[in-house]
């Protein structure tokens, strides 16, 4: 059992997690401490936590920013156990969620326009430095504490294990709404059918759109159309298919993180169409002549703001949009990370924290 550095031990609330100690990315139990519940804070028992591909990147320090020990997890759902004396929106026993953010400046133009995800001074749920100088630890833990501003109400009719909505869900819901791809009859393309991609199909269909999945894997066609409800399926390396669909899509959400050619994808857009990139690629080679001649654009999009995330949660509950998940115990996390690296998951791992973490102590 590892222990945290002295910087963390000044906190009074004892907690238990699984953490990566170095760039091997291997997880093991960790005892640490969290701050006392402040006057605007909500403390909750973590019930479920999703595993995002970014958790794998961080665990292995692939972005060069990881602070060890790392406790990942930014798709967190639980039940409130304590509230500060100035908390207004929550009470003990409420079902709640916390996503990617636990802090922002609240003063910049982005924050004032409900675009907190674009704040120049964000505090992320994990691997950030909080205002007291300590490192933030995420939802691979038994308890969580957050300022109520970043805590979301969780509808009673939305399964608690749908935690991936707090990252994968809002990452696709936000650009669909922001770029006008949320109206009946709009033709939306989805590149990649993974954790974000499968939710893009579900949200777009619930918004009334016609959905075309674009994938390198022909064997995903049946799943895309018969199970997820997509209208069309294109194999991205099939030139005949791609050419036949040229100029048919109003917008495309590209969810793939690996580098890949975008020229064939941009060619699918109508005049003034937008390619919206949500997958984190190392580089993107944009065909400028084609963009200019077609009035097309390529834009990036992060997860959404606080108000938009709550709206997304309620929309998902109303339309029964649920991520497809595989629920696992905490001590399976190392195997889950290995499978995630190989793409061996349909479509998201979710840790049953409450029923498995204590047993591994």
Protein backbone atom coordinates (compact mmCIF):
# COMPACT_ATOMS: atom_id res chain seq x y z
CA UNK A 1 0.00 0.00 0.00
CA UNK A 2 1.53 3.27 -1.12
CA UNK A 3 1.21 6.57 0.74
CA UNK A 4 1.08 10.09 -0.65
CA UNK A 5 3.64 12.82 -0.27
CA UNK A 6 3.61 15.05 2.81
CA UNK A 7 1.96 17.84 0.80
CA UNK A 8 -1.24 15.79 0.76
CA UNK A 9 -1.28 14.50 4.34
CA UNK A 10 -2.32 17.85 5.82
CA UNK A 11 -5.83 17.15 4.63
CA UNK A 12 -8.06 15.60 7.31
CA UNK A 13 -10.40 13.38 5.27
CA UNK A 14 -8.90 9.91 4.81
CA UNK A 15 -9.55 8.29 1.47
CA UNK A 16 -8.71 5.17 -0.49
CA UNK A 17 -8.02 4.85 -4.21
CA UNK A 18 -6.19 2.93 -6.87
CA UNK A 19 -3.36 4.94 -8.38
CA UNK A 20 -0.56 4.73 -10.93
CA UNK A 21 2.82 5.37 -9.28
CA UNK A 22 4.98 5.76 -12.39
CA UNK A 23 4.93 5.67 -16.20
CA UNK A 24 4.49 1.89 -16.24
CA UNK A 25 0.83 2.79 -15.78
CA UNK A 26 0.27 -0.03 -13.31
CA UNK A 27 -2.36 0.63 -10.66
CA UNK A 28 -2.31 -0.38 -7.01
CA UNK A 29 -4.14 0.67 -3.80
CA UNK A 30 -3.30 4.08 -2.38
CA UNK A 31 -4.21 5.70 0.92
CA UNK A 32 -4.39 9.48 0.73
CA UNK A 33 -6.35 12.40 2.12
CA UNK A 34 -8.83 14.94 0.84
CA UNK A 35 -9.65 18.40 2.15
CA UNK A 36 -12.38 18.97 4.69
CA UNK A 37 -15.77 19.82 3.22
CA UNK A 38 -15.74 23.60 2.79
CA UNK A 39 -18.74 25.89 3.05
CA UNK A 40 -19.48 25.60 -0.69
CA UNK A 41 -18.38 21.97 -1.04
CA UNK A 42 -20.26 18.75 -1.61
CA UNK A 43 -18.76 15.49 -0.36
CA UNK A 44 -20.08 12.28 -1.85
CA UNK A 45 -19.48 8.55 -1.79
CA UNK A 46 -18.30 7.42 -5.21
CA UNK A 47 -20.52 4.67 -6.61
CA UNK A 48 -19.34 4.41 -10.23
CA UNK A 49 -16.49 5.87 -12.26
CA UNK A 50 -15.94 5.54 -15.99
CA UNK A 51 -12.57 4.92 -17.60
CA UNK A 52 -11.71 7.35 -20.40
CA UNK A 53 -8.91 6.81 -22.91
CA UNK A 54 -7.28 9.96 -21.52
CA UNK A 55 -6.88 8.11 -18.20
CA UNK A 56 -4.67 5.62 -20.02
CA UNK A 57 -2.62 8.41 -21.63
CA UNK A 58 -2.11 10.05 -18.24
CA UNK A 59 -1.25 6.81 -16.46
CA UNK A 60 1.60 6.21 -18.91
CA UNK A 61 2.60 9.89 -19.01
CA UNK A 62 2.16 9.92 -22.79
CA UNK A 63 1.45 13.65 -22.72
CA UNK A 64 4.40 14.41 -20.44
CA UNK A 65 2.25 16.16 -17.81
CA UNK A 66 1.47 13.42 -15.29
CA UNK A 67 2.03 14.05 -11.60
CA UNK A 68 2.43 10.81 -9.69
CA UNK A 69 0.79 9.22 -7.84
CA UNK A 70 -2.05 9.60 -10.33
CA UNK A 71 -5.65 8.90 -9.30
CA UNK A 72 -7.64 9.20 -12.56
CA UNK A 73 -11.35 9.33 -13.14
CA UNK A 74 -13.46 12.24 -14.39
CA UNK A 75 -16.75 10.42 -15.04
CA UNK A 76 -17.89 10.14 -11.45
CA UNK A 77 -21.33 9.35 -10.02
CA UNK A 78 -22.18 8.99 -6.35
CA UNK A 79 -24.43 9.88 -3.41
CA UNK A 80 -24.01 12.98 -1.23
CA UNK A 81 -22.79 12.34 2.32
CA UNK A 82 -22.00 15.88 3.51
CA UNK A 83 -22.60 19.46 2.35
CA UNK A 84 -21.07 22.79 3.38
CA UNK A 85 -23.17 25.32 5.26
CA UNK A 86 -23.51 27.56 2.22
CA UNK A 87 -24.42 24.85 -0.29
CA UNK A 88 -27.77 25.64 -1.90
CA UNK A 89 -28.36 23.06 -4.63
CA UNK A 90 -27.71 19.73 -2.88
CA UNK A 91 -28.58 17.80 0.24
CA UNK A 92 -27.41 14.57 1.84
CA UNK A 93 -28.71 11.56 -0.08
CA UNK A 94 -28.85 13.26 -3.50
CA UNK A 95 -27.48 11.35 -6.49
CA UNK A 96 -24.81 13.49 -8.16
CA UNK A 97 -22.08 13.52 -10.77
CA UNK A 98 -18.76 15.28 -11.33
CA UNK A 99 -17.08 15.48 -14.73
CA UNK A 100 -13.84 16.91 -16.05
CA UNK A 101 -13.74 20.16 -14.06
CA UNK A 102 -13.57 20.98 -10.35
CA UNK A 103 -12.40 24.57 -10.78
CA UNK A 104 -12.18 27.56 -13.13
CA UNK A 105 -11.61 31.28 -12.76
CA UNK A 106 -15.31 32.21 -13.20
CA UNK A 107 -14.17 35.68 -14.27
CA UNK A 108 -13.02 35.35 -17.90
CA UNK A 109 -15.24 35.82 -20.93
CA UNK A 110 -15.52 32.06 -21.39
CA UNK A 111 -16.66 31.41 -17.84
CA UNK A 112 -19.16 34.27 -17.96
CA UNK A 113 -20.68 32.83 -21.15
CA UNK A 114 -21.07 29.33 -19.66
CA UNK A 115 -18.08 27.99 -21.58
CA UNK A 116 -16.05 26.91 -18.55
CA UNK A 117 -14.33 24.15 -20.48
CA UNK A 118 -12.44 26.87 -22.39
CA UNK A 119 -11.34 28.79 -19.29
CA UNK A 120 -7.61 29.61 -19.48
CA UNK A 121 -7.21 28.58 -15.82
CA UNK A 122 -9.05 25.27 -15.50
CA UNK A 123 -8.70 22.89 -12.57
CA UNK A 124 -9.35 19.38 -13.80
CA UNK A 125 -10.73 16.59 -11.66
CA UNK A 126 -7.43 14.77 -11.82
CA UNK A 127 -3.77 15.67 -12.33
CA UNK A 128 -4.31 19.41 -11.78
CA UNK A 129 -3.20 21.69 -8.97
CA UNK A 130 -6.07 22.90 -6.79
CA UNK A 131 -6.22 26.36 -5.22
CA UNK A 132 -4.67 25.08 -1.97
CA UNK A 133 -1.59 23.87 -3.87
CA UNK A 134 -2.38 20.16 -3.74
CA UNK A 135 -2.84 17.80 -6.67
CA UNK A 136 -6.39 16.83 -7.65
CA UNK A 137 -7.36 13.18 -7.43
CA UNK A 138 -10.22 11.73 -9.42
CA UNK A 139 -12.91 9.12 -9.13
CA UNK A 140 -10.86 5.93 -8.84
CA UNK A 141 -11.47 6.54 -5.13
CA UNK A 142 -14.06 5.96 -2.42
CA UNK A 143 -15.00 9.60 -1.83
CA UNK A 144 -14.96 12.85 -3.77
CA UNK A 145 -15.21 16.49 -2.70
CA UNK A 146 -16.06 19.33 -5.07
CA UNK A 147 -17.35 22.86 -5.04
CA UNK A 148 -21.09 22.58 -5.69
CA UNK A 149 -20.73 24.69 -8.85
CA UNK A 150 -19.15 21.69 -10.60
CA UNK A 151 -21.53 19.06 -9.20
CA UNK A 152 -24.46 17.86 -11.31
CA UNK A 153 -27.86 16.58 -10.29
CA UNK A 154 -28.32 12.98 -11.44
CA UNK A 155 -31.89 12.12 -12.52
CA UNK A 156 -33.58 9.24 -10.71
CA UNK A 157 -34.44 7.50 -13.98
CA UNK A 158 -30.86 7.59 -15.31
CA UNK A 159 -28.83 4.49 -14.35
CA UNK A 160 -25.90 5.40 -12.11
CA UNK A 161 -23.50 3.33 -14.21
CA UNK A 162 -24.08 5.78 -17.09
CA UNK A 163 -21.16 7.81 -15.71
CA UNK A 164 -19.39 8.08 -19.14
CA UNK A 165 -22.01 10.67 -20.11
CA UNK A 166 -19.98 13.12 -17.99
CA UNK A 167 -17.13 13.09 -20.51
CA UNK A 168 -17.95 11.08 -23.63
CA UNK A 169 -21.55 12.25 -23.59
CA UNK A 170 -20.94 15.98 -23.21
CA UNK A 171 -17.98 15.84 -25.63
CA UNK A 172 -20.38 14.95 -28.42
CA UNK A 173 -23.55 16.70 -27.22
CA UNK A 174 -21.78 20.07 -27.03
CA UNK A 175 -20.65 20.30 -30.69
CA UNK A 176 -23.94 18.87 -31.97
CA UNK A 177 -25.73 21.76 -30.26
CA UNK A 178 -23.10 24.45 -30.83
CA UNK A 179 -22.72 23.91 -34.56
CA UNK A 180 -26.37 23.45 -35.45
CA UNK A 181 -26.26 19.70 -35.96
CA UNK A 182 -29.27 19.26 -33.69
CA UNK A 183 -32.24 19.64 -36.00
CA UNK A 184 -34.45 17.02 -37.65
CA UNK A 185 -33.28 16.15 -41.14
CA UNK A 186 -29.68 17.32 -40.65
CA UNK A 187 -27.16 14.86 -42.09
CA UNK A 188 -24.46 14.10 -39.51
CA UNK A 189 -21.37 11.98 -40.03
CA UNK A 190 -19.59 10.16 -37.19
CA UNK A 191 -15.98 9.10 -37.66
CA UNK A 192 -15.11 6.20 -35.36
CA UNK A 193 -17.46 3.95 -33.41
CA UNK A 194 -15.85 3.89 -29.98
CA UNK A 195 -16.69 5.38 -26.60
CA UNK A 196 -17.54 8.84 -27.96
CA UNK A 197 -18.64 7.68 -31.42
CA UNK A 198 -21.40 5.34 -30.27
CA UNK A 199 -22.86 8.11 -28.08
CA UNK A 200 -22.66 10.56 -30.99
CA UNK A 201 -24.90 8.23 -32.97
CA UNK A 202 -27.38 7.98 -30.09
CA UNK A 203 -27.55 11.71 -29.38
CA UNK A 204 -27.77 12.66 -33.06
CA UNK A 205 -30.60 10.19 -33.65
CA UNK A 206 -32.46 11.50 -30.59
CA UNK A 207 -32.13 15.00 -32.06
CA UNK A 208 -33.78 13.79 -35.26
CA UNK A 209 -30.69 13.72 -37.47
CA UNK A 210 -29.83 11.30 -40.24
CA UNK A 211 -26.59 9.61 -39.18
CA UNK A 212 -23.77 8.15 -41.26
CA UNK A 213 -21.03 6.21 -39.49
CA UNK A 214 -17.57 6.33 -41.13
CA UNK A 215 -15.21 3.59 -39.99
CA UNK A 216 -12.14 1.64 -41.06
CA UNK A 217 -13.83 -1.58 -39.88
CA UNK A 218 -16.46 -3.09 -42.21
CA UNK A 219 -17.44 -5.53 -39.45
CA UNK A 220 -18.92 -2.65 -37.44
CA UNK A 221 -21.67 -2.01 -40.00
CA UNK A 222 -24.24 -4.33 -38.43
CA UNK A 223 -23.66 -2.90 -34.97
CA UNK A 224 -23.86 0.68 -36.24
CA UNK A 225 -27.10 0.25 -38.16
CA UNK A 226 -29.02 -2.54 -36.43
CA UNK A 227 -28.04 -1.88 -32.81
CA UNK A 228 -27.22 1.83 -32.60
CA UNK A 229 -29.68 3.02 -35.25
CA UNK A 230 -27.36 4.69 -37.77
CA UNK A 231 -28.85 5.24 -41.21
CA UNK A 232 -25.76 4.72 -43.35
CA UNK A 233 -22.30 3.18 -42.99
CA UNK A 234 -19.18 4.02 -44.98
CA UNK A 235 -15.86 2.17 -44.97
CA UNK A 236 -13.37 5.03 -45.01
CA UNK A 237 -10.81 3.24 -47.21
CA UNK A 238 -13.42 2.19 -49.78
CA UNK A 239 -12.90 4.91 -52.39
CA UNK A 240 -16.01 3.99 -54.35
CA UNK A 241 -18.25 4.26 -51.27
CA UNK A 242 -16.67 7.51 -50.14
CA UNK A 243 -16.89 9.12 -53.57
CA UNK A 244 -20.54 8.13 -53.95
CA UNK A 245 -21.29 9.92 -50.65
CA UNK A 246 -19.33 13.09 -51.49
CA UNK A 247 -21.10 16.32 -50.60
CA UNK A 248 -23.90 14.69 -48.61
CA UNK A 249 -23.16 15.61 -44.99
CA UNK A 250 -23.93 18.87 -43.17
CA UNK A 251 -21.38 18.19 -40.48
CA UNK A 252 -19.07 15.46 -39.23
CA UNK A 253 -17.97 14.67 -35.67
CA UNK A 254 -14.50 13.07 -35.80
CA UNK A 255 -13.96 11.05 -32.62
CA UNK A 256 -10.76 9.21 -33.58
CA UNK A 257 -7.64 10.04 -31.54
CA UNK A 258 -5.11 8.36 -33.83
CA UNK A 259 -3.70 10.28 -36.81
CA UNK A 260 -5.64 9.56 -40.00
CA UNK A 261 -6.27 11.17 -43.42
CA UNK A 262 -8.98 13.83 -43.37
CA UNK A 263 -9.13 14.62 -47.10
CA UNK A 264 -11.61 11.79 -47.85
CA UNK A 265 -13.67 12.85 -44.83
CA UNK A 266 -13.78 16.55 -45.74
CA UNK A 267 -14.88 15.52 -49.23
CA UNK A 268 -18.10 14.15 -47.68
CA UNK A 269 -19.17 17.61 -46.51
CA UNK A 270 -21.68 19.81 -48.24
CA UNK A 271 -20.82 23.42 -49.04
CA UNK A 272 -20.30 25.27 -45.73
CA UNK A 273 -20.11 21.94 -43.92
CA UNK A 274 -18.00 21.54 -40.78
CA UNK A 275 -15.61 18.83 -39.68
CA UNK A 276 -15.62 18.95 -35.88
CA UNK A 277 -12.64 17.26 -34.26
CA UNK A 278 -13.07 15.91 -30.72
CA UNK A 279 -10.47 13.14 -30.87
CA UNK A 280 -7.02 14.24 -29.72
CA UNK A 281 -4.73 13.75 -32.72
CA UNK A 282 -1.04 14.66 -32.79
CA UNK A 283 -1.46 16.48 -36.08
CA UNK A 284 -4.11 17.22 -38.65
CA UNK A 285 -3.27 17.77 -42.32
CA UNK A 286 -6.02 20.00 -43.67
CA UNK A 287 -6.63 20.20 -47.46
CA UNK A 288 -6.82 24.00 -47.73
CA UNK A 289 -7.80 24.23 -51.45
CA UNK A 290 -10.75 21.92 -50.84
CA UNK A 291 -11.75 23.90 -47.76
CA UNK A 292 -11.73 27.18 -49.65
CA UNK A 293 -13.46 25.91 -52.77
CA UNK A 294 -16.25 24.34 -50.72
CA UNK A 295 -16.55 26.98 -48.01
CA UNK A 296 -15.82 24.21 -45.53
CA UNK A 297 -14.23 24.45 -42.10
CA UNK A 298 -12.42 22.32 -39.55
CA UNK A 299 -12.99 23.16 -35.88
CA UNK A 300 -11.99 21.65 -32.57
CA UNK A 301 -14.33 21.07 -29.66
CA UNK A 302 -13.72 20.22 -26.01
CA UNK A 303 -16.21 18.99 -23.43
CA UNK A 304 -19.02 21.43 -22.66
CA UNK A 305 -19.62 23.93 -19.87
CA UNK A 306 -21.44 23.39 -16.58
CA UNK A 307 -24.89 24.52 -17.71
CA UNK A 308 -24.63 22.54 -20.95
CA UNK A 309 -23.53 19.39 -19.12
CA UNK A 310 -26.55 19.46 -16.82
CA UNK A 311 -28.74 19.99 -19.90
CA UNK A 312 -27.10 16.97 -21.56
CA UNK A 313 -27.71 14.76 -18.51
CA UNK A 314 -31.39 15.67 -18.46
CA UNK A 315 -31.70 15.17 -22.24
CA UNK A 316 -30.11 11.72 -21.91
CA UNK A 317 -32.51 10.79 -19.12
CA UNK A 318 -35.55 12.01 -21.09
CA UNK A 319 -34.57 10.16 -24.28
CA UNK A 320 -33.09 7.10 -22.55
CA UNK A 321 -29.63 7.65 -24.05
CA UNK A 322 -27.30 5.30 -22.21
CA UNK A 323 -23.66 4.50 -22.91
CA UNK A 324 -22.92 0.85 -23.60
CA UNK A 325 -20.74 -0.16 -20.67
CA UNK A 326 -18.90 -3.10 -19.17
CA UNK A 327 -18.98 -2.88 -15.38
CA UNK A 328 -15.82 -4.04 -13.64
CA UNK A 329 -14.43 -4.27 -10.09
CA UNK A 330 -11.59 -1.97 -9.06
CA UNK A 331 -8.99 -4.73 -9.02
CA UNK A 332 -9.65 -5.38 -12.72
CA UNK A 333 -8.42 -1.90 -13.67
CA UNK A 334 -4.97 -3.01 -14.90
CA UNK A 335 -6.53 -5.58 -17.21
CA UNK A 336 -9.08 -3.00 -18.33
CA UNK A 337 -6.31 -0.57 -19.28
CA UNK A 338 -4.57 -3.29 -21.32
CA UNK A 339 -7.82 -4.07 -23.13
CA UNK A 340 -8.53 -0.37 -23.67
CA UNK A 341 -5.13 0.07 -25.33
CA UNK A 342 -6.07 -2.70 -27.78
CA UNK A 343 -9.58 -1.37 -28.37
CA UNK A 344 -11.05 -4.47 -26.75
CA UNK A 345 -14.13 -2.83 -25.23
CA UNK A 346 -17.66 -2.10 -26.43
CA UNK A 347 -17.75 0.73 -25.59
CA UNK A 348 -16.77 1.95 -22.10
CA UNK A 349 -15.45 0.42 -18.89
CA UNK A 350 -17.16 1.58 -15.70
CA UNK A 351 -15.74 0.73 -12.28
CA UNK A 352 -18.21 -0.39 -9.62
CA UNK A 353 -16.29 1.56 -7.00
CA UNK A 354 -18.66 1.24 -4.04
CA UNK A 355 -18.94 -2.54 -4.22
CA UNK A 356 -15.30 -3.37 -4.97
CA UNK A 357 -12.84 -0.78 -3.68
CA UNK A 358 -13.02 -1.64 0.03
CA UNK A 359 -12.56 -5.33 -0.74
CA UNK A 360 -9.18 -4.63 -2.34
CA UNK A 361 -7.72 -2.65 0.56
